[in-house]
C-alpha atoms as a PDB file:
ATOM      1  CA  UNK A   1       0.000   0.000   0.000  1.00  0.00           C
ATOM      2  CA  UNK A   2       1.460   3.333  -1.001  1.00  0.00           C
ATOM      3  CA  UNK A   3       0.591   6.586   0.630  1.00  0.00           C
ATOM      4  CA  UNK A   4       0.272   9.937  -1.020  1.00  0.00           C
ATOM      5  CA  UNK A   5       2.979  12.300   0.157  1.00  0.00           C
ATOM      6  CA  UNK A   6       1.633  15.112   2.293  1.00  0.00           C
ATOM      7  CA  UNK A   7       1.834  18.642   1.011  1.00  0.00           C
ATOM      8  CA  UNK A   8       4.494  20.456   3.063  1.00  0.00           C
ATOM      9  CA  UNK A   9       3.080  23.004   5.487  1.00  0.00           C
ATOM     10  CA  UNK A  10       4.105  26.605   5.414  1.00  0.00           C
ATOM     11  CA  UNK A  11       5.433  26.600   8.964  1.00  0.00           C
ATOM     12  CA  UNK A  12       5.832  29.824  10.853  1.00  0.00           C
ATOM     13  CA  UNK A  13       7.769  30.290  14.021  1.00  0.00           C
ATOM     14  CA  UNK A  14       6.022  31.223  17.241  1.00  0.00           C
ATOM     15  CA  UNK A  15       7.745  34.598  16.986  1.00  0.00           C
ATOM     16  CA  UNK A  16       6.252  35.166  13.523  1.00  0.00           C
ATOM     17  CA  UNK A  17       2.784  34.216  14.744  1.00  0.00           C
ATOM     18  CA  UNK A  18       3.115  36.521  17.749  1.00  0.00           C
ATOM     19  CA  UNK A  19       4.327  39.396  15.558  1.00  0.00           C
ATOM     20  CA  UNK A  20       1.355  38.913  13.201  1.00  0.00           C
ATOM     21  CA  UNK A  21      -1.053  38.820  16.129  1.00  0.00           C
ATOM     22  CA  UNK A  22       0.383  41.970  17.705  1.00  0.00           C
ATOM     23  CA  UNK A  23       0.381  43.814  14.366  1.00  0.00           C
ATOM     24  CA  UNK A  24      -3.297  42.922  13.848  1.00  0.00           C
ATOM     25  CA  UNK A  25      -4.083  43.855  17.463  1.00  0.00           C
ATOM     26  CA  UNK A  26      -2.342  47.228  17.205  1.00  0.00           C
ATOM     27  CA  UNK A  27      -4.071  47.985  13.897  1.00  0.00           C
ATOM     28  CA  UNK A  28      -7.464  47.196  15.431  1.00  0.00           C
ATOM     29  CA  UNK A  29      -6.961  49.107  18.703  1.00  0.00           C
ATOM     30  CA  UNK A  30      -9.280  52.081  19.059  1.00  0.00           C
ATOM     31  CA  UNK A  31      -7.105  54.835  20.606  1.00  0.00           C
ATOM     32  CA  UNK A  32     -10.160  56.545  22.118  1.00  0.00           C
ATOM     33  CA  UNK A  33     -11.540  53.533  23.981  1.00  0.00           C
ATOM     34  CA  UNK A  34      -8.595  51.134  24.208  1.00  0.00           C
ATOM     35  CA  UNK A  35     -10.874  48.402  22.844  1.00  0.00           C
ATOM     36  CA  UNK A  36      -9.823  46.164  19.983  1.00  0.00           C
ATOM     37  CA  UNK A  37     -12.393  45.935  17.218  1.00  0.00           C
ATOM     38  CA  UNK A  38     -11.461  43.815  14.245  1.00  0.00           C
ATOM     39  CA  UNK A  39     -12.549  45.115  10.868  1.00  0.00           C
ATOM     40  CA  UNK A  40     -12.852  41.664   9.324  1.00  0.00           C
ATOM     41  CA  UNK A  41     -16.029  39.735   8.750  1.00  0.00           C
ATOM     42  CA  UNK A  42     -18.051  38.393  11.676  1.00  0.00           C
ATOM     43  CA  UNK A  43     -16.655  35.274  13.343  1.00  0.00           C
ATOM     44  CA  UNK A  44     -19.643  33.221  12.172  1.00  0.00           C
ATOM     45  CA  UNK A  45     -18.631  33.785   8.538  1.00  0.00           C
ATOM     46  CA  UNK A  46     -15.164  32.271   9.076  1.00  0.00           C
ATOM     47  CA  UNK A  47     -13.883  28.905  10.180  1.00  0.00           C
ATOM     48  CA  UNK A  48     -10.485  28.023  11.578  1.00  0.00           C
ATOM     49  CA  UNK A  49      -9.073  24.588  10.798  1.00  0.00           C
ATOM     50  CA  UNK A  50     -11.257  23.223   8.032  1.00  0.00           C
ATOM     51  CA  UNK A  51     -14.574  23.706   6.288  1.00  0.00           C
ATOM     52  CA  UNK A  52     -16.763  21.085   7.973  1.00  0.00           C
ATOM     53  CA  UNK A  53     -18.985  23.629   9.783  1.00  0.00           C
ATOM     54  CA  UNK A  54     -19.210  25.976   6.798  1.00  0.00           C
ATOM     55  CA  UNK A  55     -20.589  23.080   4.723  1.00  0.00           C
ATOM     56  CA  UNK A  56     -23.547  22.562   7.072  1.00  0.00           C
ATOM     57  CA  UNK A  57     -26.933  24.050   6.184  1.00  0.00           C
ATOM     58  CA  UNK A  58     -27.264  25.190   9.806  1.00  0.00           C
ATOM     59  CA  UNK A  59     -24.044  25.770  11.695  1.00  0.00           C
ATOM     60  CA  UNK A  60     -23.763  25.159  15.457  1.00  0.00           C
ATOM     61  CA  UNK A  61     -23.178  28.894  16.048  1.00  0.00           C
ATOM     62  CA  UNK A  62     -26.479  29.628  14.272  1.00  0.00           C
ATOM     63  CA  UNK A  63     -28.243  27.516  16.893  1.00  0.00           C
ATOM     64  CA  UNK A  64     -26.297  28.986  19.819  1.00  0.00           C
ATOM     65  CA  UNK A  65     -27.039  32.527  18.652  1.00  0.00           C
ATOM     66  CA  UNK A  66     -30.744  31.857  19.290  1.00  0.00           C
ATOM     67  CA  UNK A  67     -30.042  31.091  22.972  1.00  0.00           C
ATOM     68  CA  UNK A  68     -30.497  33.666  25.766  1.00  0.00           C
ATOM     69  CA  UNK A  69     -27.572  36.075  26.095  1.00  0.00           C
ATOM     70  CA  UNK A  70     -26.058  34.601  29.283  1.00  0.00           C
ATOM     71  CA  UNK A  71     -26.053  31.099  27.777  1.00  0.00           C
ATOM     72  CA  UNK A  72     -24.364  32.390  24.604  1.00  0.00           C
ATOM     73  CA  UNK A  73     -21.684  34.134  26.655  1.00  0.00           C
ATOM     74  CA  UNK A  74     -21.076  30.948  28.645  1.00  0.00           C
ATOM     75  CA  UNK A  75     -20.853  28.796  25.527  1.00  0.00           C
ATOM     76  CA  UNK A  76     -18.307  31.035  23.815  1.00  0.00           C
ATOM     77  CA  UNK A  77     -16.263  31.422  27.024  1.00  0.00           C
ATOM     78  CA  UNK A  78     -16.223  27.634  27.303  1.00  0.00           C
ATOM     79  CA  UNK A  79     -15.003  27.329  23.700  1.00  0.00           C
ATOM     80  CA  UNK A  80     -12.111  29.686  24.423  1.00  0.00           C
ATOM     81  CA  UNK A  81     -11.183  27.700  27.539  1.00  0.00           C
ATOM     82  CA  UNK A  82     -11.410  24.353  25.720  1.00  0.00           C
ATOM     83  CA  UNK A  83      -8.936  25.329  23.027  1.00  0.00           C
ATOM     84  CA  UNK A  84      -6.515  26.951  25.467  1.00  0.00           C
ATOM     85  CA  UNK A  85      -6.594  23.925  27.771  1.00  0.00           C
ATOM     86  CA  UNK A  86      -6.007  21.355  25.026  1.00  0.00           C
ATOM     87  CA  UNK A  87      -3.328  23.391  23.205  1.00  0.00           C
ATOM     88  CA  UNK A  88      -1.164  20.963  21.268  1.00  0.00           C
ATOM     89  CA  UNK A  89      -2.999  17.851  22.479  1.00  0.00           C
ATOM     90  CA  UNK A  90      -5.203  17.432  19.397  1.00  0.00           C
ATOM     91  CA  UNK A  91      -3.993  19.873  16.750  1.00  0.00           C
ATOM     92  CA  UNK A  92      -0.816  21.880  16.387  1.00  0.00           C
ATOM     93  CA  UNK A  93      -0.566  24.371  19.260  1.00  0.00           C
ATOM     94  CA  UNK A  94      -0.824  27.437  17.028  1.00  0.00           C
ATOM     95  CA  UNK A  95      -3.973  26.037  15.397  1.00  0.00           C
ATOM     96  CA  UNK A  96      -5.572  25.426  18.788  1.00  0.00           C
ATOM     97  CA  UNK A  97      -4.815  29.006  19.801  1.00  0.00           C
ATOM     98  CA  UNK A  98      -6.260  30.277  16.506  1.00  0.00           C
ATOM     99  CA  UNK A  99      -9.431  28.294  17.207  1.00  0.00           C
ATOM    100  CA  UNK A 100      -9.620  29.751  20.713  1.00  0.00           C
ATOM    101  CA  UNK A 101      -9.047  33.197  19.267  1.00  0.00           C
ATOM    102  CA  UNK A 102     -11.933  32.584  16.859  1.00  0.00           C
ATOM    103  CA  UNK A 103     -14.227  31.822  19.799  1.00  0.00           C
ATOM    104  CA  UNK A 104     -12.890  34.910  21.560  1.00  0.00           C
ATOM    105  CA  UNK A 105     -13.772  37.044  18.513  1.00  0.00           C
ATOM    106  CA  UNK A 106     -17.307  35.619  18.608  1.00  0.00           C
ATOM    107  CA  UNK A 107     -17.527  36.308  22.347  1.00  0.00           C
ATOM    108  CA  UNK A 108     -16.409  39.891  21.752  1.00  0.00           C
ATOM    109  CA  UNK A 109     -19.153  40.311  19.137  1.00  0.00           C
ATOM    110  CA  UNK A 110     -21.761  39.052  21.620  1.00  0.00           C
ATOM    111  CA  UNK A 111     -20.476  41.383  24.344  1.00  0.00           C
ATOM    112  CA  UNK A 112     -20.479  44.347  21.950  1.00  0.00           C
ATOM    113  CA  UNK A 113     -24.050  43.463  20.968  1.00  0.00           C
ATOM    114  CA  UNK A 114     -24.968  43.401  24.663  1.00  0.00           C
ATOM    115  CA  UNK A 115     -23.381  46.832  25.188  1.00  0.00           C
ATOM    116  CA  UNK A 116     -25.233  48.244  22.200  1.00  0.00           C
ATOM    117  CA  UNK A 117     -28.551  46.933  23.578  1.00  0.00           C
ATOM    118  CA  UNK A 118     -27.879  48.486  26.983  1.00  0.00           C
ATOM    119  CA  UNK A 119     -26.931  51.824  25.395  1.00  0.00           C
ATOM    120  CA  UNK A 120     -30.081  51.924  23.246  1.00  0.00           C
END
């Protein structure tokens, strides 16, 4: 049985990943409020580490976003914690952190939505 050779990954060092993160963070930092707001598309329109959720007619986040606010916040906080806690145990460490960061972006969107509702 022969196996197909794997396509080589474009590996980045941890320093490169950190520099990219900090550059994106600094570019997104609002100097008036000190809050980071990313100008990219909503978290629910992206997927980190594959396309399996994007191929579903109804994505898990679509279901969660119909839950009460406190439950949504808890779910997304739990997702962040899960990926941080298992870093490197399932996927490459940087990928796990990117997945956790994705959940954190979604959590930030929910919190910003909550703030907008309170302000209105």
